[in-house]
Amino acid sequence: MDLVIGMGQDENYDPLTGVLTIKWAREKLDFLVAHSSQVALIMIDVDRMKLLNDTYGHYRGDEELIRIAREIEKISGANTDALVCRFGGDEFLIVLNEASSETAHQIAEKIRASQKPIFIRSDEKEIAALTLSIGIAHFPTHVSTSEGLMRAADLALIKAKDSGRLPDGTPYIGRNRVMAIGDFLDEFPEQSAKFLNQPE
């Protein structure tokens, strides 16, 4: 679906990137979870966006967000009926109706691989900006409600972006990674206990 950038007259669309708003996506997600056999959710965060804005200015940052939004739409819509929305300043959300967790993971990896990092010199070292960290959750595999699906994808994203260690000191690969909530539950069962015991 081709969207016109800046179609801010329609409140369902983000005025900068042209993708759907998070409000619209949440309402649609509630409906899909109630009426579909399976729904996958992909949450994407653009790594070190603030560093790029501070270095090159917000106009350049906006250009990059628009470009990334188009790439996400192109890849996610190639094999499935995907709903792409902007979730916060530098985060995007993809709702995949009737899609398996495996399909979501394949799409997420393609999106991650499509984004080449920009290296910015900071504190006498080169830092990679604009890589993508991605979290995935699946209904009904991981959760039973739309709110639980959002929370699970967000937790997977947080762990994908972790700066190197979990709170208990466990080494961890941080940033520019795709992680499904199921991977986290399998790899770190003790750290997952709190999440599993939370009411949805």
C-alpha atoms as a PDB file:
ATOM      1  CA  MET A   1       0.000   0.000   0.000  1.00  0.00           C
ATOM      2  CA  ASP A   2       1.461   3.327  -1.082  1.00  0.00           C
ATOM      3  CA  LEU A   3       0.964   6.072   1.460  1.00  0.00           C
ATOM      4  CA  VAL A   4       1.420   9.794   0.965  1.00  0.00           C
ATOM      5  CA  ILE A   5       3.933  11.292   3.365  1.00  0.00           C
ATOM      6  CA  GLY A   6       2.458  14.004   5.536  1.00  0.00           C
ATOM      7  CA  MET A   7      -1.214  13.002   5.178  1.00  0.00           C
ATOM      8  CA  GLY A   8      -1.842  14.530   8.583  1.00  0.00           C
ATOM      9  CA  GLN A   9      -5.480  15.384   7.767  1.00  0.00           C
ATOM     10  CA  ASP A  10      -6.369  11.766   8.580  1.00  0.00           C
ATOM     11  CA  GLU A  11      -5.892  11.085  12.287  1.00  0.00           C
ATOM     12  CA  ASN A  12      -5.340   7.386  11.569  1.00  0.00           C
ATOM     13  CA  TYR A  13      -1.981   8.159   9.935  1.00  0.00           C
ATOM     14  CA  ASP A  14       1.255   9.499  11.369  1.00  0.00           C
ATOM     15  CA  PRO A  15       1.877  12.901   9.723  1.00  0.00           C
ATOM     16  CA  LEU A  16       5.639  12.368   9.329  1.00  0.00           C
ATOM     17  CA  THR A  17       6.004   8.797   8.082  1.00  0.00           C
ATOM     18  CA  GLY A  18       2.550   8.155   6.634  1.00  0.00           C
ATOM     19  CA  VAL A  19       2.138   4.841   8.482  1.00  0.00           C
ATOM     20  CA  LEU A  20      -0.758   4.174  10.846  1.00  0.00           C
ATOM     21  CA  THR A  21      -0.936   5.631  14.336  1.00  0.00           C
ATOM     22  CA  ILE A  22      -0.523   3.513  17.463  1.00  0.00           C
ATOM     23  CA  LYS A  23      -4.087   4.377  18.553  1.00  0.00           C
ATOM     24  CA  TRP A  24      -5.513   2.885  15.388  1.00  0.00           C
ATOM     25  CA  ALA A  25      -3.233  -0.139  15.618  1.00  0.00           C
ATOM     26  CA  ARG A  26      -4.250  -0.876  19.220  1.00  0.00           C
ATOM     27  CA  GLU A  27      -7.930  -0.844  18.271  1.00  0.00           C
ATOM     28  CA  LYS A  28      -7.276  -3.117  15.301  1.00  0.00           C
ATOM     29  CA  LEU A  29      -5.136  -5.441  17.419  1.00  0.00           C
ATOM     30  CA  ASP A  30      -7.944  -5.815  19.962  1.00  0.00           C
ATOM     31  CA  PHE A  31     -10.310  -6.799  17.159  1.00  0.00           C
ATOM     32  CA  LEU A  32      -7.898  -9.249  15.522  1.00  0.00           C
ATOM     33  CA  VAL A  33      -7.016 -11.062  18.748  1.00  0.00           C
ATOM     34  CA  ALA A  34     -10.732 -11.482  19.452  1.00  0.00           C
ATOM     35  CA  HIS A  35     -11.553 -12.792  15.971  1.00  0.00           C
ATOM     36  CA  SER A  36      -8.422 -14.454  14.532  1.00  0.00           C
ATOM     37  CA  SER A  37      -6.801 -17.818  15.144  1.00  0.00           C
ATOM     38  CA  GLN A  38      -3.316 -16.272  15.367  1.00  0.00           C
ATOM     39  CA  VAL A  39      -1.730 -12.824  15.364  1.00  0.00           C
ATOM     40  CA  ALA A  40       1.965 -11.920  15.373  1.00  0.00           C
ATOM     41  CA  LEU A  41       3.346  -8.618  16.617  1.00  0.00           C
ATOM     42  CA  ILE A  42       6.719  -7.146  15.645  1.00  0.00           C
ATOM     43  CA  MET A  43       8.054  -4.164  17.617  1.00  0.00           C
ATOM     44  CA  ILE A  44      11.009  -2.278  16.103  1.00  0.00           C
ATOM     45  CA  ASP A  45      13.270   0.314  17.692  1.00  0.00           C
ATOM     46  CA  VAL A  46      15.759   2.403  15.703  1.00  0.00           C
ATOM     47  CA  ASP A  47      18.987   2.213  17.695  1.00  0.00           C
ATOM     48  CA  ARG A  48      20.768   5.422  18.730  1.00  0.00           C
ATOM     49  CA  MET A  49      18.404   7.743  16.922  1.00  0.00           C
ATOM     50  CA  LYS A  50      19.179  10.480  19.447  1.00  0.00           C
ATOM     51  CA  LEU A  51      22.889  10.267  18.596  1.00  0.00           C
ATOM     52  CA  LEU A  52      22.101  10.778  14.915  1.00  0.00           C
ATOM     53  CA  ASN A  53      19.776  13.713  15.689  1.00  0.00           C
ATOM     54  CA  ASP A  54      22.381  15.311  17.931  1.00  0.00           C
ATOM     55  CA  THR A  55      25.081  14.868  15.290  1.00  0.00           C
ATOM     56  CA  TYR A  56      23.285  15.688  12.037  1.00  0.00           C
ATOM     57  CA  GLY A  57      20.087  17.429  13.157  1.00  0.00           C
ATOM     58  CA  HIS A  58      16.438  16.425  13.392  1.00  0.00           C
ATOM     59  CA  TYR A  59      15.749  17.075   9.710  1.00  0.00           C
ATOM     60  CA  ARG A  60      18.204  14.315   8.787  1.00  0.00           C
ATOM     61  CA  GLY A  61      16.669  12.136  11.496  1.00  0.00           C
ATOM     62  CA  ASP A  62      13.187  12.654  10.058  1.00  0.00           C
ATOM     63  CA  GLU A  63      14.453  11.714   6.588  1.00  0.00           C
ATOM     64  CA  GLU A  64      15.864   8.477   7.980  1.00  0.00           C
ATOM     65  CA  LEU A  65      12.630   7.646   9.818  1.00  0.00           C
ATOM     66  CA  ILE A  66      10.622   8.127   6.621  1.00  0.00           C
ATOM     67  CA  ARG A  67      13.054   5.936   4.676  1.00  0.00           C
ATOM     68  CA  ILE A  68      12.962   3.219   7.325  1.00  0.00           C
ATOM     69  CA  ALA A  69       9.150   3.336   7.398  1.00  0.00           C
ATOM     70  CA  ARG A  70       9.026   2.757   3.629  1.00  0.00           C
ATOM     71  CA  GLU A  71      11.436  -0.176   3.921  1.00  0.00           C
ATOM     72  CA  ILE A  72       9.382  -1.734   6.721  1.00  0.00           C
ATOM     73  CA  GLU A  73       6.213  -1.404   4.635  1.00  0.00           C
ATOM     74  CA  LYS A  74       7.897  -2.880   1.578  1.00  0.00           C
ATOM     75  CA  ILE A  75       9.293  -5.936   3.347  1.00  0.00           C
ATOM     76  CA  SER A  76       6.414  -6.663   5.719  1.00  0.00           C
ATOM     77  CA  GLY A  77       3.804  -6.303   3.005  1.00  0.00           C
ATOM     78  CA  ALA A  78       5.546  -8.550   0.484  1.00  0.00           C
ATOM     79  CA  ASN A  79       4.221 -11.863   1.811  1.00  0.00           C
ATOM     80  CA  THR A  80       1.403 -11.000   4.185  1.00  0.00           C
ATOM     81  CA  ASP A  81      -1.331  -8.522   5.024  1.00  0.00           C
ATOM     82  CA  ALA A  82       0.622  -6.296   7.410  1.00  0.00           C
ATOM     83  CA  LEU A  83      -0.399  -3.214   9.356  1.00  0.00           C
ATOM     84  CA  VAL A  84       2.537  -0.890  10.027  1.00  0.00           C
ATOM     85  CA  CYS A  85       2.324   1.914  12.561  1.00  0.00           C
ATOM     86  CA  ARG A  86       4.604   4.381  14.294  1.00  0.00           C
ATOM     87  CA  PHE A  87       4.892   3.639  17.989  1.00  0.00           C
ATOM     88  CA  GLY A  88       6.641   6.564  19.657  1.00  0.00           C
ATOM     89  CA  GLY A  89       9.382   8.735  18.191  1.00  0.00           C
ATOM     90  CA  ASP A  90      11.692   6.057  16.797  1.00  0.00           C
ATOM     91  CA  GLU A  91       9.683   2.865  17.203  1.00  0.00           C
ATOM     92  CA  PHE A  92       7.461   1.026  14.757  1.00  0.00           C
ATOM     93  CA  LEU A  93       4.921  -1.737  15.207  1.00  0.00           C
ATOM     94  CA  ILE A  94       3.817  -4.377  12.692  1.00  0.00           C
ATOM     95  CA  VAL A  95       0.589  -6.330  13.198  1.00  0.00           C
ATOM     96  CA  LEU A  96       0.455  -9.557  11.186  1.00  0.00           C
ATOM     97  CA  ASN A  97      -2.967 -11.173  11.073  1.00  0.00           C
ATOM     98  CA  GLU A  98      -3.103 -14.972  10.677  1.00  0.00           C
ATOM     99  CA  ALA A  99       0.690 -15.149  10.635  1.00  0.00           C
ATOM    100  CA  SER A 100       2.805 -17.709  12.448  1.00  0.00           C
ATOM    101  CA  SER A 101       5.629 -16.867  14.806  1.00  0.00           C
ATOM    102  CA  GLU A 102       8.039 -18.287  12.220  1.00  0.00           C
ATOM    103  CA  THR A 103       6.687 -15.981   9.509  1.00  0.00           C
ATOM    104  CA  ALA A 104       7.031 -12.996  11.835  1.00  0.00           C
ATOM    105  CA  HIS A 105      10.625 -13.957  12.626  1.00  0.00           C
ATOM    106  CA  GLN A 106      11.509 -14.239   8.927  1.00  0.00           C
ATOM    107  CA  ILE A 107      10.012 -10.827   8.185  1.00  0.00           C
ATOM    108  CA  ALA A 108      11.752  -9.275  11.200  1.00  0.00           C
ATOM    109  CA  GLU A 109      15.148 -10.627  10.151  1.00  0.00           C
ATOM    110  CA  LYS A 110      14.704  -9.267   6.620  1.00  0.00           C
ATOM    111  CA  ILE A 111      13.813  -5.859   8.018  1.00  0.00           C
ATOM    112  CA  ARG A 112      16.778  -5.879  10.401  1.00  0.00           C
ATOM    113  CA  ALA A 113      19.201  -6.924   7.652  1.00  0.00           C
ATOM    114  CA  SER A 114      17.879  -4.225   5.307  1.00  0.00           C
ATOM    115  CA  GLN A 115      19.096  -1.415   7.547  1.00  0.00           C
ATOM    116  CA  LYS A 116      22.776  -0.629   7.138  1.00  0.00           C
ATOM    117  CA  PRO A 117      24.272   1.210  10.117  1.00  0.00           C
ATOM    118  CA  ILE A 118      25.614   4.741   9.980  1.00  0.00           C
ATOM    119  CA  PHE A 119      28.857   5.061  11.930  1.00  0.00           C
ATOM    120  CA  ILE A 120      29.185   8.214  14.002  1.00  0.00           C
ATOM    121  CA  ARG A 121      32.356   9.250  15.789  1.00  0.00           C
ATOM    122  CA  SER A 122      31.694   9.922  19.465  1.00  0.00           C
ATOM    123  CA  ASP A 123      34.101  10.001  22.420  1.00  0.00           C
ATOM    124  CA  GLU A 124      36.995   8.988  20.140  1.00  0.00           C
ATOM    125  CA  LYS A 125      35.275   5.848  18.845  1.00  0.00           C
ATOM    126  CA  GLU A 126      32.985   4.842  16.024  1.00  0.00           C
ATOM    127  CA  ILE A 127      29.432   4.064  17.146  1.00  0.00           C
ATOM    128  CA  ALA A 128      26.878   2.314  14.924  1.00  0.00           C
ATOM    129  CA  ALA A 129      23.585   4.205  14.704  1.00  0.00           C
ATOM    130  CA  LEU A 130      20.321   3.326  12.925  1.00  0.00           C
ATOM    131  CA  THR A 131      20.619  -0.410  13.411  1.00  0.00           C
ATOM    132  CA  LEU A 132      17.296  -2.043  14.311  1.00  0.00           C
ATOM    133  CA  SER A 133      16.444  -3.951  17.474  1.00  0.00           C
ATOM    134  CA  ILE A 134      13.286  -6.017  17.146  1.00  0.00           C
ATOM    135  CA  GLY A 135      10.979  -7.860  19.535  1.00  0.00           C
ATOM    136  CA  ILE A 136       8.362 -10.435  18.496  1.00  0.00           C
ATOM    137  CA  ALA A 137       5.365 -11.952  20.283  1.00  0.00           C
ATOM    138  CA  HIS A 138       2.637 -14.280  19.050  1.00  0.00           C
ATOM    139  CA  PHE A 139      -0.974 -14.947  19.965  1.00  0.00           C
ATOM    140  CA  PRO A 140      -1.923 -17.526  21.157  1.00  0.00           C
ATOM    141  CA  THR A 141       1.537 -19.124  21.477  1.00  0.00           C
ATOM    142  CA  HIS A 142       2.862 -16.694  24.088  1.00  0.00           C
ATOM    143  CA  VAL A 143      -0.159 -14.787  25.408  1.00  0.00           C
ATOM    144  CA  SER A 144      -3.958 -14.818  25.389  1.00  0.00           C
ATOM    145  CA  THR A 145      -4.864 -11.115  25.103  1.00  0.00           C
ATOM    146  CA  SER A 146      -3.966  -8.126  22.941  1.00  0.00           C
ATOM    147  CA  GLU A 147      -2.572  -6.265  25.955  1.00  0.00           C
ATOM    148  CA  GLY A 148      -0.411  -9.265  26.797  1.00  0.00           C
ATOM    149  CA  LEU A 149       0.768  -9.360  23.191  1.00  0.00           C
ATOM    150  CA  MET A 150       1.900  -5.730  23.361  1.00  0.00           C
ATOM    151  CA  ARG A 151       3.640  -6.284  26.681  1.00  0.00           C
ATOM    152  CA  ALA A 152       5.387  -9.456  25.479  1.00  0.00           C
ATOM    153  CA  ALA A 153       6.674  -7.823  22.290  1.00  0.00           C
ATOM    154  CA  ASP A 154       7.897  -4.852  24.312  1.00  0.00           C
ATOM    155  CA  LEU A 155       9.768  -7.121  26.738  1.00  0.00           C
ATOM    156  CA  ALA A 156      11.380  -8.986  23.831  1.00  0.00           C
ATOM    157  CA  LEU A 157      12.432  -5.635  22.347  1.00  0.00           C
ATOM    158  CA  ILE A 158      13.904  -4.480  25.652  1.00  0.00           C
ATOM    159  CA  LYS A 159      16.009  -7.637  25.846  1.00  0.00           C
ATOM    160  CA  ALA A 160      17.091  -7.262  22.212  1.00  0.00           C
ATOM    161  CA  LYS A 161      18.347  -3.763  23.065  1.00  0.00           C
ATOM    162  CA  ASP A 162      19.948  -4.679  26.384  1.00  0.00           C
ATOM    163  CA  SER A 163      23.270  -2.912  26.802  1.00  0.00           C
ATOM    164  CA  GLY A 164      25.208  -6.095  27.426  1.00  0.00           C
ATOM    165  CA  ARG A 165      24.077  -7.723  30.669  1.00  0.00           C
ATOM    166  CA  LEU A 166      20.881  -8.639  32.414  1.00  0.00           C
ATOM    167  CA  PRO A 167      20.338  -7.251  35.933  1.00  0.00           C
ATOM    168  CA  ASP A 168      21.811 -10.421  37.468  1.00  0.00           C
ATOM    169  CA  GLY A 169      25.016 -10.052  35.420  1.00  0.00           C
ATOM    170  CA  THR A 170      24.237 -12.633  32.737  1.00  0.00           C
ATOM    171  CA  PRO A 171      26.137 -11.688  29.526  1.00  0.00           C
ATOM    172  CA  TYR A 172      23.836 -10.693  26.715  1.00  0.00           C
ATOM    173  CA  ILE A 173      24.100  -9.581  23.098  1.00  0.00           C
ATOM    174  CA  GLY A 174      22.722  -6.073  22.784  1.00  0.00           C
ATOM    175  CA  ARG A 175      21.207  -4.074  19.920  1.00  0.00           C
ATOM    176  CA  ASN A 176      20.699  -4.925  16.262  1.00  0.00           C
ATOM    177  CA  ARG A 177      19.055  -8.217  17.084  1.00  0.00           C
ATOM    178  CA  VAL A 178      15.710  -9.916  16.536  1.00  0.00           C
ATOM    179  CA  MET A 179      14.334 -11.612  19.637  1.00  0.00           C
ATOM    180  CA  ALA A 180      11.018 -13.373  20.108  1.00  0.00           C
ATOM    181  CA  ILE A 181       9.541 -13.428  23.577  1.00  0.00           C
ATOM    182  CA  GLY A 182       9.640 -17.227  23.357  1.00  0.00           C
ATOM    183  CA  ASP A 183      13.440 -17.091  22.942  1.00  0.00           C
ATOM    184  CA  PHE A 184      13.737 -15.012  26.076  1.00  0.00           C
ATOM    185  CA  LEU A 185      11.462 -17.318  28.058  1.00  0.00           C
ATOM    186  CA  ASP A 186      13.533 -20.312  26.945  1.00  0.00           C
ATOM    187  CA  GLU A 187      16.958 -18.732  27.467  1.00  0.00           C
ATOM    188  CA  PHE A 188      16.277 -16.971  30.765  1.00  0.00           C
ATOM    189  CA  PRO A 189      13.565 -18.863  32.649  1.00  0.00           C
ATOM    190  CA  GLU A 190      14.338 -17.274  36.019  1.00  0.00           C
ATOM    191  CA  GLN A 191      14.201 -13.754  34.634  1.00  0.00           C
ATOM    192  CA  SER A 192      10.969 -14.674  32.833  1.00  0.00           C
ATOM    193  CA  ALA A 193       9.143 -15.821  35.948  1.00  0.00           C
ATOM    194  CA  LYS A 194       7.990 -12.320  36.866  1.00  0.00           C
ATOM    195  CA  PHE A 195       6.585 -11.763  33.381  1.00  0.00           C
ATOM    196  CA  LEU A 196       4.812 -15.117  33.303  1.00  0.00           C
ATOM    197  CA  ASN A 197       3.189 -14.491  36.675  1.00  0.00           C
ATOM    198  CA  GLN A 198       1.819 -11.068  35.766  1.00  0.00           C
ATOM    199  CA  PRO A 199      -1.913 -10.964  35.064  1.00  0.00           C
ATOM    200  CA  GLU A 200      -2.834 -10.004  31.528  1.00  0.00           C
END
